[in-house]
Amino acid sequence: MGIAESVSEGRRLAVERPGVGVLAVVLLYLVVDLLVKLSGTTVLAYGIPLVGGSLSTGSLLSMLLDGLLVGLAVGLAGIGLSMTYSILDFANFAHGDTVTAGAFLGWVAASLTATAGADAALSERFLFDAGRQLGAASALLPILVGLVAAAVGTVGVVLLIDRLTYRPMRGADNISLLIASIGVALALRYLIAFVFGTQTSGVASSSVRFQILPGLAVTDNELALLFVSASLMVGVHLLLQRTKLGKAMRAMADNEDLARVTGIPTERVVRFTWILGGALAGVGGYLLVLESGTISFNFGWIRLLLIFAAVIVGGIGSIYGAMAGGVLIGLVDSLALIWLPSGLTRAAAFAVLIVVLLLRPSGIFGGVSTA
């Protein structure tokens, strides 16, 4: 394409889609402002700062790492939500509280493992304490036990919910299932509140830090989050693309009636969807607690909109979209601290959601069913 054609195409886009031009200007401003901030200078006009400020490279790298870690955990939890939508065809509003269940189950197991043999009552060992440290020598075992407990325990929770609520309504319309999921969410959330209380608690943390770059250090908990999230995402990809069950799941997501006619055991696929989605939700919740260091009865409910945003940005119904959307939303939520107060960073994440929907209504991976 020549220069004249490029100019003509640019004019056409500016006329037909002026929002694209506005978005390009905003992104250009943010990039320039970020570069000037990293240089430590400020550009003023009549005494009013236009661009720049002060931002160290270490701080930027730390924000990028935090955003990546949160994004991976959100994307992991989003996979289960996307699978439920693509295969069972309804938006599961109980998914956030499933994440909460996994977080509590994982940390109860981790806490009990870390304090095994301690001279304390079971009730004291069962409670969460912000000052409690797992210790460098014994941190790995409690973390692994917590991961397994979060996955297995959450699978049990979602299978029980499916057996009692969703399975009897399998032939119901989407709205009925959505309303039922809201009821399940409320019941599960306040059951957790009844057992664990309504206070926000700190959880066991680790003091082991590894310096990977000047000004950037990571803890062993963060390394565990990074490794586990990436490994599980690769595992989901291999399951969908290389196994008979994964192909059956993709076929059912594309056309349930045709899948049933061709002999695919749809009820078995539904059951495995709950198993896989529940396990990933539980592990995702546990990993988010690893990153944040706090836990409460509405932990997953607060993050449900962020998970929904990740799934919608990536393309609802797409597993890879949930992964990519989670990372994107996590990075935006973290990097927004450069320009916005901490209480408004979530607004930036939803602004990205709106922009993506305006430019590509079907999402980044729109049109890619299941995988």
Protein backbone atom coordinates (compact mmCIF):
# COMPACT_ATOMS: atom_id res chain seq x y z
CA MET A 1 0.00 0.00 0.00
CA GLY A 2 1.43 3.38 -1.04
CA ILE A 3 1.51 6.63 0.92
CA ALA A 4 -1.60 7.99 -0.83
CA GLU A 5 -3.58 4.85 -0.08
CA SER A 6 -2.44 4.90 3.57
CA VAL A 7 -3.52 8.53 3.95
CA SER A 8 -6.86 7.79 2.31
CA GLU A 9 -7.43 4.79 4.61
CA GLY A 10 -6.55 6.91 7.63
CA ARG A 11 -9.04 9.59 6.62
CA ARG A 12 -11.76 7.00 6.10
CA LEU A 13 -11.21 5.53 9.56
CA ALA A 14 -11.18 9.01 11.11
CA VAL A 15 -14.57 9.78 9.55
CA GLU A 16 -16.26 6.41 10.08
CA ARG A 17 -14.75 5.55 13.47
CA PRO A 18 -13.64 8.76 15.24
CA GLY A 19 -13.33 6.86 18.51
CA VAL A 20 -10.29 5.01 17.13
CA GLY A 21 -8.50 8.32 16.59
CA VAL A 22 -9.35 9.51 20.11
CA LEU A 23 -8.10 6.24 21.56
CA ALA A 24 -4.85 6.52 19.58
CA VAL A 25 -4.29 10.05 20.90
CA VAL A 26 -4.94 8.96 24.50
CA LEU A 27 -2.57 5.98 24.20
CA LEU A 28 0.12 8.18 22.64
CA TYR A 29 -0.21 10.67 25.49
CA LEU A 30 0.07 7.91 28.13
CA VAL A 31 3.16 6.45 26.48
CA VAL A 32 4.85 9.85 26.22
CA ASP A 33 3.90 10.70 29.80
CA LEU A 34 5.30 7.38 31.02
CA LEU A 35 8.61 7.89 29.20
CA VAL A 36 8.96 11.42 30.58
CA LYS A 37 8.14 10.18 34.09
CA LEU A 38 10.87 7.54 33.81
CA SER A 39 13.34 10.27 32.87
CA GLY A 40 12.44 12.10 36.09
CA THR A 41 11.42 15.36 34.44
CA THR A 42 8.21 17.35 34.23
CA VAL A 43 6.98 19.44 31.30
CA LEU A 44 5.04 22.53 32.40
CA ALA A 45 2.81 24.95 30.54
CA TYR A 46 1.99 28.18 32.41
CA GLY A 47 2.94 26.44 35.62
CA ILE A 48 0.60 23.50 34.99
CA PRO A 49 2.26 20.06 34.60
CA LEU A 50 1.36 18.55 31.23
CA VAL A 51 3.43 15.39 31.21
CA GLY A 52 6.06 13.77 33.38
CA GLY A 53 6.79 13.49 37.06
CA SER A 54 8.81 10.92 38.92
CA LEU A 55 8.73 7.16 38.43
CA SER A 56 11.62 4.78 38.96
CA THR A 57 12.30 1.83 36.69
CA GLY A 58 12.10 -0.47 39.71
CA SER A 59 8.60 0.78 40.54
CA LEU A 60 7.46 0.23 36.97
CA LEU A 61 8.85 -3.31 36.92
CA SER A 62 7.19 -4.05 40.25
CA MET A 63 3.82 -2.85 38.89
CA LEU A 64 4.25 -4.98 35.78
CA LEU A 65 5.03 -8.03 37.91
CA ASP A 66 2.06 -7.42 40.23
CA GLY A 67 -0.23 -6.95 37.24
CA LEU A 68 1.01 -10.14 35.60
CA LEU A 69 0.55 -12.17 38.78
CA VAL A 70 -2.97 -10.88 39.41
CA GLY A 71 -3.82 -11.27 35.72
CA LEU A 72 -2.70 -14.90 35.65
CA ALA A 73 -4.78 -15.77 38.72
CA VAL A 74 -7.81 -13.89 37.36
CA GLY A 75 -7.39 -15.59 33.98
CA LEU A 76 -7.18 -18.97 35.68
CA ALA A 77 -10.43 -18.32 37.54
CA GLY A 78 -11.95 -16.95 34.33
CA ILE A 79 -11.37 -20.20 32.45
CA GLY A 80 -13.99 -21.96 34.57
CA LEU A 81 -16.49 -19.14 34.03
CA SER A 82 -15.89 -19.18 30.28
CA MET A 83 -16.24 -22.98 30.14
CA THR A 84 -19.54 -22.84 32.03
CA TYR A 85 -20.88 -20.27 29.59
CA SER A 86 -19.71 -22.01 26.43
CA ILE A 87 -20.79 -25.55 27.39
CA LEU A 88 -23.71 -25.02 29.81
CA ASP A 89 -24.81 -21.76 28.15
CA PHE A 90 -25.44 -19.53 31.17
CA ALA A 91 -23.56 -16.88 33.13
CA ASN A 92 -22.71 -18.46 36.49
CA PHE A 93 -22.87 -15.68 39.09
CA ALA A 94 -21.93 -18.18 41.80
CA HIS A 95 -18.45 -18.47 40.29
CA GLY A 96 -17.04 -15.70 42.48
CA ASP A 97 -18.14 -17.43 45.66
CA THR A 98 -16.70 -20.67 44.32
CA VAL A 99 -13.40 -18.79 44.15
CA THR A 100 -13.91 -17.76 47.79
CA ALA A 101 -14.57 -21.36 48.81
CA GLY A 102 -11.34 -22.47 47.16
CA ALA A 103 -9.41 -19.67 48.85
CA PHE A 104 -10.65 -20.63 52.32
CA LEU A 105 -10.26 -24.38 51.80
CA GLY A 106 -6.71 -23.90 50.54
CA TRP A 107 -5.64 -21.64 53.37
CA VAL A 108 -7.23 -23.75 56.07
CA ALA A 109 -5.21 -26.72 54.79
CA ALA A 110 -2.05 -24.62 54.45
CA SER A 111 -2.46 -23.14 57.92
CA LEU A 112 -3.04 -26.50 59.58
CA THR A 113 -0.06 -28.00 57.74
CA ALA A 114 2.22 -25.10 58.67
CA THR A 115 1.33 -25.37 62.36
CA ALA A 116 1.30 -29.17 62.56
CA GLY A 117 2.89 -30.24 65.82
CA ALA A 118 2.57 -26.77 67.31
CA ASP A 119 1.54 -26.51 70.93
CA ALA A 120 -1.77 -24.75 70.21
CA ALA A 121 -5.42 -25.59 70.22
CA LEU A 122 -6.95 -26.64 66.94
CA SER A 123 -9.23 -23.60 67.02
CA GLU A 124 -6.20 -21.28 67.27
CA ARG A 125 -4.37 -23.05 64.46
CA PHE A 126 -7.52 -22.89 62.35
CA LEU A 127 -7.77 -19.07 62.52
CA PHE A 128 -5.97 -16.75 60.12
CA ASP A 129 -3.35 -14.42 61.53
CA ALA A 130 -1.60 -11.65 59.62
CA GLY A 131 1.50 -12.01 61.77
CA ARG A 132 1.95 -15.72 61.25
CA GLN A 133 4.86 -16.72 59.00
CA LEU A 134 5.18 -20.08 57.34
CA GLY A 135 8.94 -19.93 57.47
CA ALA A 136 11.51 -20.41 54.72
CA ALA A 137 12.20 -24.05 55.47
CA SER A 138 8.59 -25.19 55.66
CA ALA A 139 6.80 -22.83 53.24
CA LEU A 140 6.77 -25.17 50.24
CA LEU A 141 4.82 -28.03 51.82
CA PRO A 142 1.94 -25.90 53.18
CA ILE A 143 1.63 -24.11 49.83
CA LEU A 144 1.41 -27.40 47.94
CA VAL A 145 -1.06 -28.88 50.43
CA GLY A 146 -3.15 -25.71 50.10
CA LEU A 147 -3.14 -25.99 46.29
CA VAL A 148 -4.37 -29.58 46.38
CA ALA A 149 -6.99 -28.82 49.05
CA ALA A 150 -8.25 -25.78 47.13
CA ALA A 151 -8.64 -27.78 43.92
CA VAL A 152 -10.13 -30.96 45.38
CA GLY A 153 -12.35 -29.20 47.91
CA THR A 154 -13.79 -26.79 45.35
CA VAL A 155 -14.51 -29.65 42.95
CA GLY A 156 -16.56 -31.27 45.71
CA VAL A 157 -18.43 -28.00 46.30
CA VAL A 158 -19.34 -27.42 42.63
CA LEU A 159 -20.37 -31.05 42.07
CA LEU A 160 -22.66 -30.86 45.09
CA ILE A 161 -24.14 -27.58 43.83
CA ASP A 162 -24.65 -29.06 40.37
CA ARG A 163 -26.34 -32.16 41.80
CA LEU A 164 -28.69 -30.17 44.04
CA THR A 165 -29.43 -27.15 41.85
CA TYR A 166 -28.28 -27.13 38.24
CA ARG A 167 -28.79 -30.75 37.24
CA PRO A 168 -32.55 -30.74 38.01
CA MET A 169 -32.74 -27.53 35.91
CA ARG A 170 -30.65 -28.82 33.00
CA GLY A 171 -33.42 -28.20 30.47
CA ALA A 172 -34.41 -24.79 31.86
CA ASP A 173 -33.86 -21.54 29.99
CA ASN A 174 -30.78 -19.36 30.50
CA ILE A 175 -32.53 -16.74 32.63
CA SER A 176 -33.79 -19.35 35.11
CA LEU A 177 -30.28 -20.78 35.45
CA LEU A 178 -28.79 -17.30 35.90
CA ILE A 179 -31.29 -16.48 38.67
CA ALA A 180 -30.58 -19.84 40.30
CA SER A 181 -26.84 -19.09 40.22
CA ILE A 182 -27.46 -15.80 42.06
CA GLY A 183 -29.32 -17.73 44.77
CA VAL A 184 -26.48 -20.25 44.98
CA ALA A 185 -23.98 -17.37 45.27
CA LEU A 186 -25.84 -15.82 48.20
CA ALA A 187 -26.25 -19.15 49.99
CA LEU A 188 -22.59 -20.10 49.56
CA ARG A 189 -21.31 -16.65 50.55
CA TYR A 190 -23.23 -16.50 53.80
CA LEU A 191 -22.45 -20.10 54.64
CA ILE A 192 -18.77 -19.12 54.41
CA ALA A 193 -19.49 -16.03 56.53
CA PHE A 194 -21.23 -18.22 59.14
CA VAL A 195 -18.24 -20.56 59.38
CA PHE A 196 -15.34 -18.10 59.11
CA GLY A 197 -16.88 -14.79 60.17
CA THR A 198 -17.28 -11.54 58.27
CA GLN A 199 -13.98 -9.88 59.15
CA THR A 200 -11.17 -9.42 56.65
CA SER A 201 -8.19 -11.43 57.86
CA GLY A 202 -4.54 -11.53 57.01
CA VAL A 203 -3.07 -14.87 56.02
CA ALA A 204 0.28 -16.52 56.46
CA SER A 205 2.92 -14.91 54.30
CA SER A 206 6.52 -15.55 53.39
CA SER A 207 9.60 -13.43 54.03
CA VAL A 208 11.76 -15.26 51.47
CA ARG A 209 12.60 -12.83 48.64
CA PHE A 210 14.67 -13.32 45.51
CA GLN A 211 16.34 -10.40 43.76
CA ILE A 212 15.84 -10.96 40.03
CA LEU A 213 16.60 -7.46 38.71
CA PRO A 214 17.90 -4.23 40.28
CA GLY A 215 14.97 -2.81 42.21
CA LEU A 216 12.78 -5.87 41.60
CA ALA A 217 12.39 -8.75 44.04
CA VAL A 218 9.86 -11.58 44.19
CA THR A 219 8.76 -13.82 47.04
CA ASP A 220 8.50 -17.58 46.90
CA ASN A 221 4.69 -17.19 47.08
CA GLU A 222 4.78 -15.04 43.94
CA LEU A 223 7.02 -17.53 42.18
CA ALA A 224 4.59 -20.30 43.11
CA LEU A 225 1.70 -18.24 41.70
CA LEU A 226 3.58 -17.62 38.44
CA PHE A 227 4.66 -21.23 37.96
CA VAL A 228 1.34 -22.83 38.93
CA SER A 229 -0.79 -20.46 36.82
CA ALA A 230 1.37 -20.84 33.72
CA SER A 231 1.56 -24.63 34.13
CA LEU A 232 -2.20 -25.01 34.54
CA MET A 233 -2.90 -22.84 31.50
CA VAL A 234 -0.56 -24.97 29.40
CA GLY A 235 -2.25 -28.06 30.82
CA VAL A 236 -5.71 -26.77 29.84
CA HIS A 237 -4.44 -26.09 26.31
CA LEU A 238 -3.06 -29.62 25.97
CA LEU A 239 -6.24 -31.14 27.38
CA LEU A 240 -8.46 -29.28 24.91
CA GLN A 241 -6.29 -29.92 21.87
CA ARG A 242 -4.74 -33.36 22.49
CA THR A 243 -7.29 -35.44 24.38
CA LYS A 244 -10.54 -37.11 23.35
CA LEU A 245 -12.35 -35.45 26.23
CA GLY A 246 -11.09 -32.03 25.19
CA LYS A 247 -12.34 -32.56 21.65
CA ALA A 248 -15.72 -33.64 23.03
CA MET A 249 -15.88 -30.45 25.11
CA ARG A 250 -15.12 -28.31 22.06
CA ALA A 251 -17.71 -30.17 20.00
CA MET A 252 -20.38 -29.72 22.65
CA ALA A 253 -19.58 -26.02 22.96
CA ASP A 254 -19.96 -25.60 19.19
CA ASN A 255 -23.23 -27.56 18.84
CA GLU A 256 -24.70 -29.50 21.76
CA ASP A 257 -27.45 -31.20 19.72
CA LEU A 258 -25.03 -32.41 17.07
CA ALA A 259 -22.63 -33.62 19.75
CA ARG A 260 -25.41 -35.65 21.37
CA VAL A 261 -26.45 -37.16 18.02
CA THR A 262 -22.89 -38.23 17.24
CA GLY A 263 -22.69 -40.21 20.50
CA ILE A 264 -20.76 -37.80 22.72
CA PRO A 265 -21.74 -38.45 26.38
CA THR A 266 -22.93 -34.92 27.09
CA GLU A 267 -23.70 -35.47 30.78
CA ARG A 268 -20.17 -36.75 31.32
CA VAL A 269 -18.81 -33.70 29.53
CA VAL A 270 -20.93 -31.44 31.74
CA ARG A 271 -19.65 -33.20 34.85
CA PHE A 272 -16.04 -32.80 33.76
CA THR A 273 -16.69 -29.15 32.93
CA TRP A 274 -17.72 -28.60 36.54
CA ILE A 275 -14.70 -30.58 37.78
CA LEU A 276 -12.18 -28.67 35.69
CA GLY A 277 -13.84 -25.28 36.15
CA GLY A 278 -14.21 -25.79 39.89
CA ALA A 279 -10.61 -26.91 40.34
CA LEU A 280 -9.29 -23.91 38.40
CA ALA A 281 -11.57 -21.52 40.31
CA GLY A 282 -10.39 -22.91 43.65
CA VAL A 283 -6.72 -22.74 42.70
CA GLY A 284 -7.25 -19.25 41.25
CA GLY A 285 -8.80 -18.06 44.51
CA TYR A 286 -5.99 -19.59 46.56
CA LEU A 287 -3.37 -17.95 44.34
CA LEU A 288 -5.10 -14.57 44.60
CA VAL A 289 -4.84 -14.89 48.38
CA LEU A 290 -1.15 -15.69 47.97
CA GLU A 291 -0.75 -12.44 46.05
CA SER A 292 -2.98 -10.17 48.16
CA GLY A 293 -2.26 -11.55 51.63
CA THR A 294 -5.86 -11.03 52.82
CA ILE A 295 -9.04 -13.06 52.75
CA SER A 296 -12.70 -12.44 53.58
CA PHE A 297 -16.10 -14.05 53.05
CA ASN A 298 -16.80 -11.79 50.03
CA PHE A 299 -13.30 -12.19 48.58
CA GLY A 300 -14.45 -13.79 45.33
CA TRP A 301 -17.63 -11.73 44.99
CA ILE A 302 -15.56 -8.52 44.96
CA ARG A 303 -13.37 -9.98 42.20
CA LEU A 304 -16.24 -11.46 40.20
CA LEU A 305 -16.67 -8.32 38.08
CA LEU A 306 -12.94 -8.36 37.35
CA ILE A 307 -13.21 -12.01 36.27
CA PHE A 308 -16.25 -11.22 34.12
CA ALA A 309 -14.35 -8.30 32.59
CA ALA A 310 -11.42 -10.57 31.73
CA VAL A 311 -13.72 -13.16 30.13
CA ILE A 312 -15.65 -10.56 28.11
CA VAL A 313 -12.50 -8.72 26.97
CA GLY A 314 -10.97 -11.99 25.82
CA GLY A 315 -14.16 -13.16 24.14
CA ILE A 316 -16.78 -14.92 26.24
CA GLY A 317 -16.79 -18.63 25.50
CA SER A 318 -13.11 -18.67 24.58
CA ILE A 319 -10.68 -20.36 26.97
CA TYR A 320 -7.68 -18.61 25.45
CA GLY A 321 -9.63 -15.36 25.60
CA ALA A 322 -10.09 -15.79 29.35
CA MET A 323 -6.34 -16.27 29.75
CA ALA A 324 -5.40 -13.26 27.61
CA GLY A 325 -8.17 -11.10 29.05
CA GLY A 326 -7.09 -11.88 32.61
CA VAL A 327 -3.49 -10.83 31.95
CA LEU A 328 -4.61 -7.66 30.15
CA ILE A 329 -7.03 -6.63 32.90
CA GLY A 330 -4.46 -7.40 35.59
CA LEU A 331 -1.78 -5.28 33.90
CA VAL A 332 -4.16 -2.36 33.35
CA ASP A 333 -5.38 -2.51 36.95
CA SER A 334 -1.80 -2.40 38.20
CA LEU A 335 -0.33 0.17 35.78
CA ALA A 336 -3.25 2.54 36.34
CA LEU A 337 -1.61 3.41 39.68
CA ILE A 338 0.81 5.56 37.69
CA TRP A 339 -1.98 8.00 36.82
CA LEU A 340 -4.87 7.26 39.19
CA PRO A 341 -5.38 6.94 42.97
CA SER A 342 -5.46 3.35 44.22
CA GLY A 343 -9.23 3.45 44.70
CA LEU A 344 -9.86 4.23 41.03
CA THR A 345 -7.64 1.69 39.29
CA ARG A 346 -10.53 -0.74 38.90
CA ALA A 347 -12.29 1.94 36.84
CA ALA A 348 -9.39 1.87 34.37
CA ALA A 349 -9.81 -1.89 33.96
CA PHE A 350 -13.50 -1.45 33.11
CA ALA A 351 -12.65 1.42 30.78
CA VAL A 352 -10.52 -1.04 28.81
CA LEU A 353 -13.51 -3.41 28.76
CA ILE A 354 -15.68 -0.66 27.25
CA VAL A 355 -13.04 0.25 24.66
CA VAL A 356 -12.58 -3.37 23.58
CA LEU A 357 -16.34 -3.85 23.26
CA LEU A 358 -16.63 -0.68 21.16
CA LEU A 359 -13.80 -1.68 18.82
CA ARG A 360 -14.41 -5.44 18.82
CA PRO A 361 -17.77 -6.38 20.36
CA SER A 362 -17.03 -10.12 20.28
CA GLY A 363 -13.80 -9.68 22.29
CA ILE A 364 -10.14 -10.25 21.44
CA PHE A 365 -10.66 -13.94 20.70
CA GLY A 366 -14.25 -13.53 19.55
CA GLY A 367 -15.53 -16.31 17.35
CA VAL A 368 -13.13 -18.90 18.81
CA SER A 369 -15.45 -21.32 20.61
CA THR A 370 -14.15 -23.11 23.71
CA ALA A 371 -10.52 -22.90 22.67
